[in-house]
Amino acid sequence: MIKKMTSKLAIILLIAVIALTCAACGNDPNVKQQDTTSGSYAVDVGKDAKETEREGFHSYPAGKTDPINLGGTEVKVTDFAVYGYELQNMMAVKKFASPKELSVDLLAQYAFSHALFPRLNEANNKPMEYRTISEEDLNASLTNLFGKIDVDLKKSVLYQPSKKMFEMWIPAYGCNIYYNIDAVNINGDTADIITTYFNELERNTMLGRSTVKVGVENGKPVIRALSSE
């Protein structure tokens, strides 16, 4: 009886590890991937395109990658294209009309991760690390991403009242991101950054699309909304 229980537990743990690995690199085993290039998202990549070393993990942008000016503030569109990937493929967020719609636990986890890594795909692929952060630093990271949000992060499960600190195991997010910024549409004081993600540098197999709405708050570009497919 004990051997059977041990065997079942081992199988469950193996499934959990596989699921975490797929989520970290954006390959959802429950979502069918495109098998061939479709004219609706095919991208012509020159023969000189190469993968270059950058701390072991990479982001390979194509398309409309030049920064834009939004209300006198420079917006690096590639940063927000990557945010769209992170939210959609690492945090399992498909859409929100306002960051206020996101759970306090998700906001805390995303801000916590970004307090340590500017881009989550650059997080190391070593076994998960246990880290701590203060409420002040976590709120600063959240504001940098979404602007000022009326949310009490201490209601998150990550908060340890006895230590007055936030604690979390940081997943091994590290992986390559291949993407094409299809369009950047400026509408008054906001901009929509529309991005298609792929499974490989040649951009033959589509992974998904996102539209990140960017606004400016206190002179800094922030995420206002997301929709994805």
Protein backbone atom coordinates (compact mmCIF):
# COMPACT_ATOMS: atom_id res chain seq x y z
CA MET A 1 0.00 0.00 0.00
CA ILE A 2 2.82 2.42 0.91
CA LYS A 3 4.65 1.62 -2.34
CA LYS A 4 1.52 2.40 -4.38
CA MET A 5 1.04 5.74 -2.60
CA THR A 6 4.71 6.62 -3.14
CA SER A 7 4.42 5.79 -6.81
CA LYS A 8 1.31 7.96 -7.22
CA LEU A 9 3.01 10.86 -5.43
CA ALA A 10 6.03 10.60 -7.72
CA ILE A 11 3.79 10.74 -10.80
CA ILE A 12 1.95 13.80 -9.46
CA LEU A 13 5.24 15.61 -8.76
CA LEU A 14 6.53 14.78 -12.26
CA ILE A 15 3.38 16.21 -13.87
CA ALA A 16 3.72 19.39 -11.78
CA VAL A 17 7.34 19.88 -12.85
CA ILE A 18 6.45 19.41 -16.53
CA ALA A 19 3.55 21.88 -16.26
CA LEU A 20 5.78 24.50 -14.61
CA THR A 21 8.44 24.11 -17.29
CA CYS A 22 5.92 24.52 -20.10
CA ALA A 23 4.38 27.59 -18.46
CA ALA A 24 7.74 29.25 -17.95
CA CYS A 25 8.67 29.03 -21.62
CA GLY A 26 5.23 29.82 -22.94
CA ASN A 27 4.34 26.40 -24.36
CA ASP A 28 0.95 25.49 -22.93
CA PRO A 29 0.45 21.72 -23.44
CA ASN A 30 -3.31 22.30 -23.44
CA VAL A 31 -3.20 24.75 -26.38
CA LYS A 32 -2.78 23.41 -29.89
CA GLN A 33 0.07 25.15 -31.69
CA GLN A 34 -0.04 26.11 -35.35
CA ASP A 35 1.72 23.54 -37.54
CA THR A 36 2.51 25.69 -40.58
CA THR A 37 3.11 29.31 -41.46
CA SER A 38 -0.06 31.28 -42.06
CA GLY A 39 -0.16 34.36 -44.27
CA SER A 40 -1.92 36.25 -41.49
CA TYR A 41 1.14 36.28 -39.26
CA ALA A 42 4.08 35.10 -41.39
CA VAL A 43 7.18 37.27 -40.99
CA ASP A 44 10.05 37.48 -43.42
CA VAL A 45 13.28 37.10 -41.45
CA GLY A 46 16.51 37.79 -43.33
CA LYS A 47 19.13 35.11 -43.84
CA ASP A 48 21.50 37.07 -41.59
CA ALA A 49 19.25 36.70 -38.53
CA LYS A 50 21.21 35.02 -35.79
CA GLU A 51 20.83 34.18 -32.13
CA THR A 52 23.42 36.06 -30.11
CA GLU A 53 24.46 35.37 -26.54
CA ARG A 54 22.97 37.63 -23.87
CA GLU A 55 23.28 36.24 -20.36
CA GLY A 56 22.02 32.89 -21.61
CA PHE A 57 18.48 33.99 -22.50
CA HIS A 58 17.22 36.06 -25.37
CA SER A 59 14.50 38.28 -26.78
CA TYR A 60 14.50 38.51 -30.57
CA PRO A 61 12.24 41.34 -31.75
CA ALA A 62 11.22 42.18 -35.28
CA GLY A 63 8.70 44.57 -36.76
CA LYS A 64 8.03 48.07 -35.41
CA THR A 65 10.70 48.23 -32.71
CA ASP A 66 11.52 51.96 -32.67
CA PRO A 67 10.57 53.83 -29.46
CA ILE A 68 7.56 56.14 -29.68
CA ASN A 69 6.73 59.47 -28.05
CA LEU A 70 3.60 59.44 -25.93
CA GLY A 71 2.69 62.76 -24.33
CA GLY A 72 6.32 63.82 -24.29
CA THR A 73 7.47 60.50 -22.77
CA GLU A 74 9.58 57.99 -24.64
CA VAL A 75 8.07 54.50 -24.69
CA LYS A 76 10.28 51.52 -25.51
CA VAL A 77 7.73 49.40 -27.33
CA THR A 78 9.89 46.27 -27.08
CA ASP A 79 9.61 46.41 -23.26
CA PHE A 80 5.83 46.32 -23.44
CA ALA A 81 5.83 43.60 -26.09
CA VAL A 82 7.78 41.47 -23.61
CA TYR A 83 5.39 42.42 -20.78
CA GLY A 84 2.57 41.11 -22.95
CA TYR A 85 4.41 37.81 -23.35
CA GLU A 86 5.07 37.57 -19.62
CA LEU A 87 1.48 38.23 -18.63
CA GLN A 88 0.00 35.94 -21.25
CA ASN A 89 2.42 33.02 -21.13
CA MET A 90 4.07 33.16 -17.71
CA MET A 91 1.32 34.61 -15.52
CA ALA A 92 -1.61 33.06 -17.44
CA VAL A 93 -3.40 36.43 -17.78
CA LYS A 94 -5.44 36.65 -20.97
CA LYS A 95 -7.03 40.07 -20.60
CA PHE A 96 -7.92 42.91 -18.26
CA ALA A 97 -9.41 46.34 -18.89
CA SER A 98 -7.66 47.73 -15.81
CA PRO A 99 -4.93 46.40 -13.49
CA LYS A 100 -7.51 46.72 -10.69
CA GLU A 101 -9.18 43.61 -12.12
CA LEU A 102 -6.13 41.47 -11.32
CA SER A 103 -5.96 39.57 -8.05
CA VAL A 104 -3.75 40.88 -5.27
CA ASP A 105 -1.77 37.63 -5.32
CA LEU A 106 -1.02 37.94 -9.03
CA LEU A 107 -0.05 41.61 -8.71
CA ALA A 108 2.26 40.78 -5.81
CA GLN A 109 3.87 37.86 -7.65
CA TYR A 110 4.41 39.82 -10.87
CA ALA A 111 5.77 42.89 -9.08
CA PHE A 112 7.98 40.68 -6.88
CA SER A 113 9.49 38.98 -9.94
CA HIS A 114 10.08 42.31 -11.70
CA ALA A 115 11.74 43.79 -8.64
CA LEU A 116 14.48 41.20 -9.26
CA PHE A 117 14.48 40.90 -13.06
CA PRO A 118 13.76 43.64 -15.64
CA ARG A 119 12.60 40.90 -18.01
CA LEU A 120 11.37 37.62 -16.58
CA ASN A 121 12.74 35.53 -19.45
CA GLU A 122 16.18 36.59 -18.21
CA ALA A 123 15.55 34.97 -14.83
CA ASN A 124 17.97 32.10 -14.33
CA ASN A 125 17.05 28.52 -15.11
CA LYS A 126 18.57 27.16 -11.92
CA PRO A 127 16.33 25.47 -9.33
CA MET A 128 13.81 27.93 -7.91
CA GLU A 129 15.25 30.45 -5.45
CA TYR A 130 13.59 31.68 -2.25
CA ARG A 131 13.71 35.47 -1.99
CA THR A 132 12.34 38.23 0.25
CA ILE A 133 11.39 41.85 -0.37
CA SER A 134 10.07 44.77 1.65
CA GLU A 135 6.61 46.27 1.22
CA GLU A 136 8.16 49.55 0.07
CA ASP A 137 10.21 47.91 -2.68
CA LEU A 138 7.30 45.73 -3.81
CA ASN A 139 4.96 48.72 -4.07
CA ALA A 140 7.61 50.61 -6.03
CA SER A 141 7.91 47.72 -8.49
CA LEU A 142 4.11 47.53 -8.88
CA THR A 143 3.87 51.28 -9.52
CA ASN A 144 6.63 51.06 -12.11
CA LEU A 145 4.64 48.43 -14.01
CA PHE A 146 1.04 49.62 -13.69
CA GLY A 147 1.12 53.07 -12.14
CA LYS A 148 -0.54 53.83 -8.82
CA ILE A 149 -3.10 51.16 -7.90
CA ASP A 150 -5.31 51.25 -4.83
CA VAL A 151 -4.44 47.78 -3.58
CA ASP A 152 -3.12 46.46 -0.27
CA LEU A 153 -0.40 44.01 -1.19
CA LYS A 154 -0.23 42.84 2.43
CA LYS A 155 -3.44 40.91 1.71
CA SER A 156 -1.40 38.68 -0.56
CA VAL A 157 -0.42 35.20 0.58
CA LEU A 158 3.18 36.26 -0.06
CA TYR A 159 3.14 38.60 2.93
CA GLN A 160 4.56 37.32 6.23
CA PRO A 161 3.16 39.53 9.04
CA SER A 162 5.59 38.19 11.63
CA LYS A 163 8.55 39.33 9.50
CA LYS A 164 6.82 42.30 7.84
CA MET A 165 8.28 41.06 4.58
CA PHE A 166 7.10 39.41 1.38
CA GLU A 167 8.55 36.01 0.56
CA MET A 168 8.33 33.91 -2.59
CA TRP A 169 9.98 31.12 -4.52
CA ILE A 170 11.10 32.66 -7.82
CA PRO A 171 10.30 30.30 -10.71
CA ALA A 172 12.98 29.54 -13.29
CA TYR A 173 11.37 31.64 -16.02
CA GLY A 174 14.44 31.79 -18.28
CA CYS A 175 13.75 31.08 -21.95
CA ASN A 176 13.99 32.65 -25.40
CA ILE A 177 11.25 34.96 -26.71
CA TYR A 178 10.73 35.39 -30.45
CA TYR A 179 8.28 38.10 -31.43
CA ASN A 180 7.18 40.55 -34.08
CA ILE A 181 5.61 43.90 -33.18
CA ASP A 182 2.90 44.09 -35.82
CA ALA A 183 1.55 47.58 -35.07
CA VAL A 184 1.83 50.48 -32.64
CA ASN A 185 -1.37 52.55 -32.65
CA ILE A 186 -1.32 55.87 -30.79
CA ASN A 187 -4.72 57.07 -29.58
CA GLY A 188 -4.41 60.37 -27.72
CA ASP A 189 -2.67 59.70 -24.43
CA THR A 190 -2.46 55.92 -24.87
CA ALA A 191 -0.88 53.52 -27.34
CA ASP A 192 -1.76 49.95 -28.32
CA ILE A 193 1.24 47.71 -28.95
CA ILE A 194 0.15 44.66 -30.95
CA THR A 195 2.60 41.77 -30.90
CA THR A 196 2.71 38.23 -32.28
CA TYR A 197 4.84 35.61 -30.50
CA PHE A 198 6.49 32.62 -32.10
CA ASN A 199 8.10 29.34 -31.07
CA GLU A 200 11.29 29.86 -33.06
CA LEU A 201 13.59 32.50 -34.54
CA GLU A 202 12.35 31.81 -38.08
CA ARG A 203 8.84 32.72 -36.87
CA ASN A 204 7.09 29.81 -38.56
CA THR A 205 4.95 28.67 -35.63
CA MET A 206 2.74 31.18 -33.87
CA LEU A 207 2.51 30.99 -30.09
CA GLY A 208 -0.01 33.78 -29.55
CA ARG A 209 -0.80 37.48 -29.85
CA SER A 210 -1.23 40.31 -27.37
CA THR A 211 -2.33 43.92 -27.38
CA VAL A 212 -0.85 45.93 -24.53
CA LYS A 213 -2.36 49.34 -23.88
CA VAL A 214 0.25 51.77 -22.60
CA GLY A 215 -0.35 55.04 -20.78
CA VAL A 216 1.85 57.58 -19.03
CA GLU A 217 1.76 58.35 -15.32
CA ASN A 218 4.13 60.79 -13.61
CA GLY A 219 6.33 60.83 -16.70
CA LYS A 220 6.66 57.03 -16.88
CA PRO A 221 5.01 54.61 -19.34
CA VAL A 222 2.84 52.00 -17.62
CA ILE A 223 0.56 49.08 -18.51
CA ARG A 224 -3.10 50.10 -18.69
CA ALA A 225 -4.79 47.04 -20.20
CA LEU A 226 -4.18 43.74 -21.98
CA SER A 227 -6.00 41.54 -24.43
CA SER A 228 -4.57 38.37 -25.93
CA GLU A 229 -5.33 35.37 -28.07
